[in-house]
Amino acid sequence: MTKILSYRRGRKTQTVNQAIASIEKIDSRESAGKYIGKKVEIAFSKSSIKGVIVKPHGNKGKVVIRFRRGLPGQAMNREVKLV
């Protein structure tokens, strides 16, 4: 199970087409690196948004996902499906 945690952001800006996510049972940067290039999809009631895992984030197994278009705020804390 993969969950969206937050937008990728800086101190004063946030990038709405990139998100930080956690992957279940992954707790190190090395094991998160194995998921780079995997495709993901987040489904809503009428549509879905596709993305790709691009890099690890931090040392505790989080990853950065780049989506084709911006994510709405309702995507936070939702489950993402690995395709």
C-alpha atoms as a PDB file:
ATOM      1  CA  MET A   1       0.000   0.000   0.000  1.00  0.00           C
ATOM      2  CA  THR A   2       1.358   3.382  -1.017  1.00  0.00           C
ATOM      3  CA  LYS A   3      -0.003   6.598   0.504  1.00  0.00           C
ATOM      4  CA  ILE A   4       0.373  10.218  -0.563  1.00  0.00           C
ATOM      5  CA  LEU A   5       1.744  12.231   2.364  1.00  0.00           C
ATOM      6  CA  SER A   6       2.287  15.734   1.025  1.00  0.00           C
ATOM      7  CA  TYR A   7       3.144  17.840  -1.977  1.00  0.00           C
ATOM      8  CA  ARG A   8       6.834  18.268  -2.697  1.00  0.00           C
ATOM      9  CA  ARG A   9       7.470  21.715  -1.314  1.00  0.00           C
ATOM     10  CA  GLY A  10       9.923  24.324  -0.254  1.00  0.00           C
ATOM     11  CA  ARG A  11       9.700  27.003   2.356  1.00  0.00           C
ATOM     12  CA  LYS A  12       7.421  29.292   0.352  1.00  0.00           C
ATOM     13  CA  THR A  13       6.317  27.204  -2.635  1.00  0.00           C
ATOM     14  CA  GLN A  14       4.771  23.838  -3.335  1.00  0.00           C
ATOM     15  CA  THR A  15       4.929  21.777  -6.503  1.00  0.00           C
ATOM     16  CA  VAL A  16       1.438  20.396  -7.075  1.00  0.00           C
ATOM     17  CA  ASN A  17       2.394  17.864  -9.761  1.00  0.00           C
ATOM     18  CA  GLN A  18       4.921  16.169  -7.452  1.00  0.00           C
ATOM     19  CA  ALA A  19       4.102  14.360  -4.223  1.00  0.00           C
ATOM     20  CA  ILE A  20       5.933  12.624  -1.403  1.00  0.00           C
ATOM     21  CA  ALA A  21       4.624   9.132  -0.684  1.00  0.00           C
ATOM     22  CA  SER A  22       5.363   6.288   1.675  1.00  0.00           C
ATOM     23  CA  ILE A  23       5.474   2.660   0.580  1.00  0.00           C
ATOM     24  CA  GLU A  24       4.407   0.043   3.096  1.00  0.00           C
ATOM     25  CA  LYS A  25       7.236  -2.067   4.617  1.00  0.00           C
ATOM     26  CA  ILE A  26       9.952   0.115   3.055  1.00  0.00           C
ATOM     27  CA  ASP A  27      12.167   1.821   5.639  1.00  0.00           C
ATOM     28  CA  SER A  28      15.472   2.682   3.969  1.00  0.00           C
ATOM     29  CA  ARG A  29      16.711   4.800   1.091  1.00  0.00           C
ATOM     30  CA  GLU A  30      18.278   1.795  -0.661  1.00  0.00           C
ATOM     31  CA  SER A  31      15.074  -0.247  -0.702  1.00  0.00           C
ATOM     32  CA  ALA A  32      13.071   2.789  -1.866  1.00  0.00           C
ATOM     33  CA  GLY A  33      15.519   3.178  -4.761  1.00  0.00           C
ATOM     34  CA  LYS A  34      14.324  -0.130  -6.219  1.00  0.00           C
ATOM     35  CA  TYR A  35      10.951   1.467  -7.007  1.00  0.00           C
ATOM     36  CA  ILE A  36      12.372   4.226  -9.248  1.00  0.00           C
ATOM     37  CA  GLY A  37      10.702   4.147 -12.659  1.00  0.00           C
ATOM     38  CA  LYS A  38       7.591   2.284 -11.486  1.00  0.00           C
ATOM     39  CA  LYS A  39       4.304   3.695 -12.727  1.00  0.00           C
ATOM     40  CA  VAL A  40       1.546   4.649 -10.288  1.00  0.00           C
ATOM     41  CA  GLU A  41      -2.081   5.693 -10.593  1.00  0.00           C
ATOM     42  CA  ILE A  42      -4.419   7.466  -8.198  1.00  0.00           C
ATOM     43  CA  ALA A  43      -8.103   6.895  -8.920  1.00  0.00           C
ATOM     44  CA  PHE A  44     -10.939   9.301  -8.233  1.00  0.00           C
ATOM     45  CA  SER A  45     -14.647   8.756  -8.860  1.00  0.00           C
ATOM     46  CA  LYS A  46     -14.620   9.724 -12.567  1.00  0.00           C
ATOM     47  CA  SER A  47     -10.973  10.038 -13.501  1.00  0.00           C
ATOM     48  CA  SER A  48      -7.467   8.968 -12.609  1.00  0.00           C
ATOM     49  CA  ILE A  49      -4.060  10.632 -12.608  1.00  0.00           C
ATOM     50  CA  LYS A  50      -0.961   8.693 -13.659  1.00  0.00           C
ATOM     51  CA  GLY A  51       2.569   9.269 -12.473  1.00  0.00           C
ATOM     52  CA  VAL A  52       6.070   7.828 -12.118  1.00  0.00           C
ATOM     53  CA  ILE A  53       8.292   7.340  -9.065  1.00  0.00           C
ATOM     54  CA  VAL A  54      11.353   9.486  -9.779  1.00  0.00           C
ATOM     55  CA  LYS A  55      13.607   9.377  -6.694  1.00  0.00           C
ATOM     56  CA  PRO A  56      13.862   8.534  -3.003  1.00  0.00           C
ATOM     57  CA  HIS A  57      13.124  11.257  -0.467  1.00  0.00           C
ATOM     58  CA  GLY A  58      15.079  11.252   2.767  1.00  0.00           C
ATOM     59  CA  ASN A  59      16.550   8.229   4.511  1.00  0.00           C
ATOM     60  CA  LYS A  60      13.387   6.522   5.791  1.00  0.00           C
ATOM     61  CA  GLY A  61      11.993   5.045   2.602  1.00  0.00           C
ATOM     62  CA  LYS A  62       9.804   7.832   1.235  1.00  0.00           C
ATOM     63  CA  VAL A  63       9.678   8.466  -2.530  1.00  0.00           C
ATOM     64  CA  VAL A  64       8.894  11.383  -4.838  1.00  0.00           C
ATOM     65  CA  ILE A  65       6.203  10.768  -7.454  1.00  0.00           C
ATOM     66  CA  ARG A  66       5.867  13.050 -10.486  1.00  0.00           C
ATOM     67  CA  PHE A  67       2.343  13.161 -11.921  1.00  0.00           C
ATOM     68  CA  ARG A  68       1.250  14.239 -15.397  1.00  0.00           C
ATOM     69  CA  ARG A  69      -0.975  16.992 -14.029  1.00  0.00           C
ATOM     70  CA  GLY A  70      -1.465  18.653 -10.672  1.00  0.00           C
ATOM     71  CA  LEU A  71      -2.985  16.768  -7.769  1.00  0.00           C
ATOM     72  CA  PRO A  72      -6.041  18.146  -5.986  1.00  0.00           C
ATOM     73  CA  GLY A  73      -5.957  18.583  -2.234  1.00  0.00           C
ATOM     74  CA  GLN A  74      -8.266  15.586  -1.808  1.00  0.00           C
ATOM     75  CA  ALA A  75      -5.383  13.356  -2.895  1.00  0.00           C
ATOM     76  CA  MET A  76      -3.563  13.803   0.410  1.00  0.00           C
ATOM     77  CA  ASN A  77      -3.584  10.657   2.558  1.00  0.00           C
ATOM     78  CA  ARG A  78      -5.127   8.591  -0.259  1.00  0.00           C
ATOM     79  CA  GLU A  79      -3.927   5.274  -1.542  1.00  0.00           C
ATOM     80  CA  VAL A  80      -1.963   5.043  -4.790  1.00  0.00           C
ATOM     81  CA  LYS A  81      -1.941   1.895  -6.928  1.00  0.00           C
ATOM     82  CA  LEU A  82       1.332   0.600  -8.398  1.00  0.00           C
ATOM     83  CA  VAL A  83       0.704  -0.286 -12.048  1.00  0.00           C
END
